[in-house]
Protein backbone atom coordinates (compact mmCIF):
# COMPACT_ATOMS: atom_id res chain seq x y z
CA UNK A 1 -3.75 5.34 13.21
CA UNK A 2 -4.67 6.32 9.68
CA UNK A 3 -6.70 9.12 8.86
CA UNK A 4 -9.10 7.08 6.57
CA UNK A 5 -11.64 9.55 5.13
CA UNK A 6 -8.45 12.03 3.91
CA UNK A 7 -6.82 8.68 2.32
CA UNK A 8 -9.96 7.53 0.52
CA UNK A 9 -10.52 11.08 -1.06
CA UNK A 10 -9.98 11.20 -4.67
CA UNK A 11 -6.70 12.58 -5.63
CA UNK A 12 -8.01 15.04 -8.08
CA UNK A 13 -11.26 15.58 -9.93
CA UNK A 14 -9.44 15.03 -13.28
CA UNK A 15 -7.98 11.84 -12.13
CA UNK A 16 -9.75 10.42 -9.02
CA UNK A 17 -7.12 7.39 -8.93
CA UNK A 18 -4.04 9.15 -9.30
CA UNK A 19 -1.28 7.89 -11.24
CA UNK A 20 -0.09 4.58 -12.13
CA UNK A 21 2.68 3.92 -9.80
CA UNK A 22 4.29 0.78 -11.79
CA UNK A 23 7.65 2.55 -12.04
CA UNK A 24 7.69 4.93 -9.32
CA UNK A 25 10.67 5.02 -7.23
CA UNK A 26 8.99 5.43 -4.07
CA UNK A 27 6.39 2.54 -4.89
CA UNK A 28 9.40 0.15 -5.57
CA UNK A 29 10.88 1.23 -2.64
CA UNK A 30 7.69 0.59 -0.66
CA UNK A 31 7.68 -2.75 -2.23
CA UNK A 32 11.23 -3.84 -1.11
CA UNK A 33 10.82 -2.53 2.13
CA UNK A 34 7.72 -4.30 3.02
CA UNK A 35 9.46 -7.58 2.29
CA UNK A 36 11.82 -7.31 5.21
CA UNK A 37 14.94 -9.29 5.26
CA UNK A 38 15.35 -13.26 4.47
CA UNK A 39 17.36 -15.33 6.62
CA UNK A 40 20.93 -15.11 5.24
CA UNK A 41 23.95 -17.50 5.91
CA UNK A 42 27.32 -15.72 6.15
CA UNK A 43 30.10 -18.30 6.34
CA UNK A 44 28.82 -20.65 9.24
CA UNK A 45 26.44 -18.06 10.83
CA UNK A 46 23.04 -18.07 10.11
CA UNK A 47 21.47 -14.27 10.24
CA UNK A 48 17.79 -14.63 10.98
CA UNK A 49 15.14 -13.17 8.64
CA UNK A 50 13.76 -9.79 9.82
CA UNK A 51 10.15 -8.49 9.42
CA UNK A 52 9.17 -5.32 7.47
CA UNK A 53 9.51 -2.06 9.26
CA UNK A 54 5.81 -1.62 9.61
CA UNK A 55 6.05 1.94 10.59
CA UNK A 56 8.15 2.66 7.82
CA UNK A 57 5.91 0.70 5.63
CA UNK A 58 2.95 2.52 6.81
CA UNK A 59 4.37 5.87 6.39
CA UNK A 60 5.37 5.55 2.74
CA UNK A 61 2.12 3.57 2.02
CA UNK A 62 0.02 6.53 3.45
CA UNK A 63 2.03 9.07 1.15
CA UNK A 64 1.61 6.93 -1.96
CA UNK A 65 -1.91 6.51 -1.28
CA UNK A 66 -2.42 10.06 -0.98
CA UNK A 67 -1.04 10.21 -5.01
CA UNK A 68 -2.75 7.12 -6.13
CA UNK A 69 -5.68 4.80 -5.01
CA UNK A 70 -3.42 1.56 -6.26
CA UNK A 71 -4.80 -1.29 -4.39
CA UNK A 72 -1.35 -2.82 -3.96
CA UNK A 73 -0.55 0.09 -2.04
CA UNK A 74 -3.88 -0.36 -0.21
CA UNK A 75 -2.97 -3.90 0.60
CA UNK A 76 0.43 -2.64 2.14
CA UNK A 77 -1.58 -0.36 4.04
CA UNK A 78 -3.82 -3.10 5.32
CA UNK A 79 -0.73 -5.42 6.13
CA UNK A 80 1.08 -2.73 8.08
CA UNK A 81 -2.28 -1.50 9.95
CA UNK A 82 -2.48 -5.07 11.05
CA UNK A 83 1.13 -5.49 12.21
CA UNK A 84 0.97 -2.02 14.34
CA UNK A 85 -2.94 -1.77 15.41
CA UNK A 86 -4.17 -5.38 15.32
CA UNK A 87 -8.05 -5.54 14.72
CA UNK A 88 -8.50 -1.78 14.57
CA UNK A 89 -5.81 -1.74 11.97
CA UNK A 90 -7.63 -4.43 10.11
CA UNK A 91 -10.85 -2.56 9.95
CA UNK A 92 -9.33 0.83 8.57
CA UNK A 93 -7.18 -1.26 6.17
CA UNK A 94 -9.95 -2.97 4.80
CA UNK A 95 -11.97 0.15 4.18
CA UNK A 96 -8.85 1.16 2.05
CA UNK A 97 -9.32 -1.71 -0.10
CA UNK A 98 -12.93 -1.90 -0.02
CA UNK A 99 -14.14 1.64 -0.75
CA UNK A 100 -12.30 2.55 -4.04
CA UNK A 101 -13.60 -0.43 -5.39
CA UNK A 102 -17.18 0.59 -4.91
CA UNK A 103 -16.91 3.61 -6.55
CA UNK A 104 -17.75 3.53 -10.23
CA UNK A 105 -15.58 6.40 -11.00
CA UNK A 106 -12.70 5.17 -9.60
CA UNK A 107 -11.47 2.62 -12.39
CA UNK A 108 -8.05 1.83 -10.99
CA UNK A 109 -5.66 2.76 -13.94
CA UNK A 110 -7.86 0.96 -16.08
CA UNK A 111 -7.15 1.56 -19.83
CA UNK A 112 -8.62 0.22 -23.05
CA UNK A 113 -5.86 -2.36 -23.46
CA UNK A 114 -6.24 -4.00 -20.00
CA UNK A 115 -9.90 -4.42 -20.06
CA UNK A 116 -10.92 -7.93 -20.40
């Protein structure tokens, strides 16, 4: 189970959302491991698809969410929580998505050039 209040705390007073993880190596690794392995064919043999390693996804996503309130990371935390903890995990995961959106001071890495 996640420590939701700790994860929801602002990263820092100057930067409540933390860093933009777009090109962060750990974030790219998180996206890769969250995909699992698709079905593969090796000659005549078909290797079945493999689901993501959810404990590993949750551990890395938790670490990254401590550095950035990136909603892509929150989404992967939500998915891993559901996979590992069922409905209890869903409730905690939804808080991680909802709460940062409700804070007016957390603007999810918004920059003037990204505004509509």
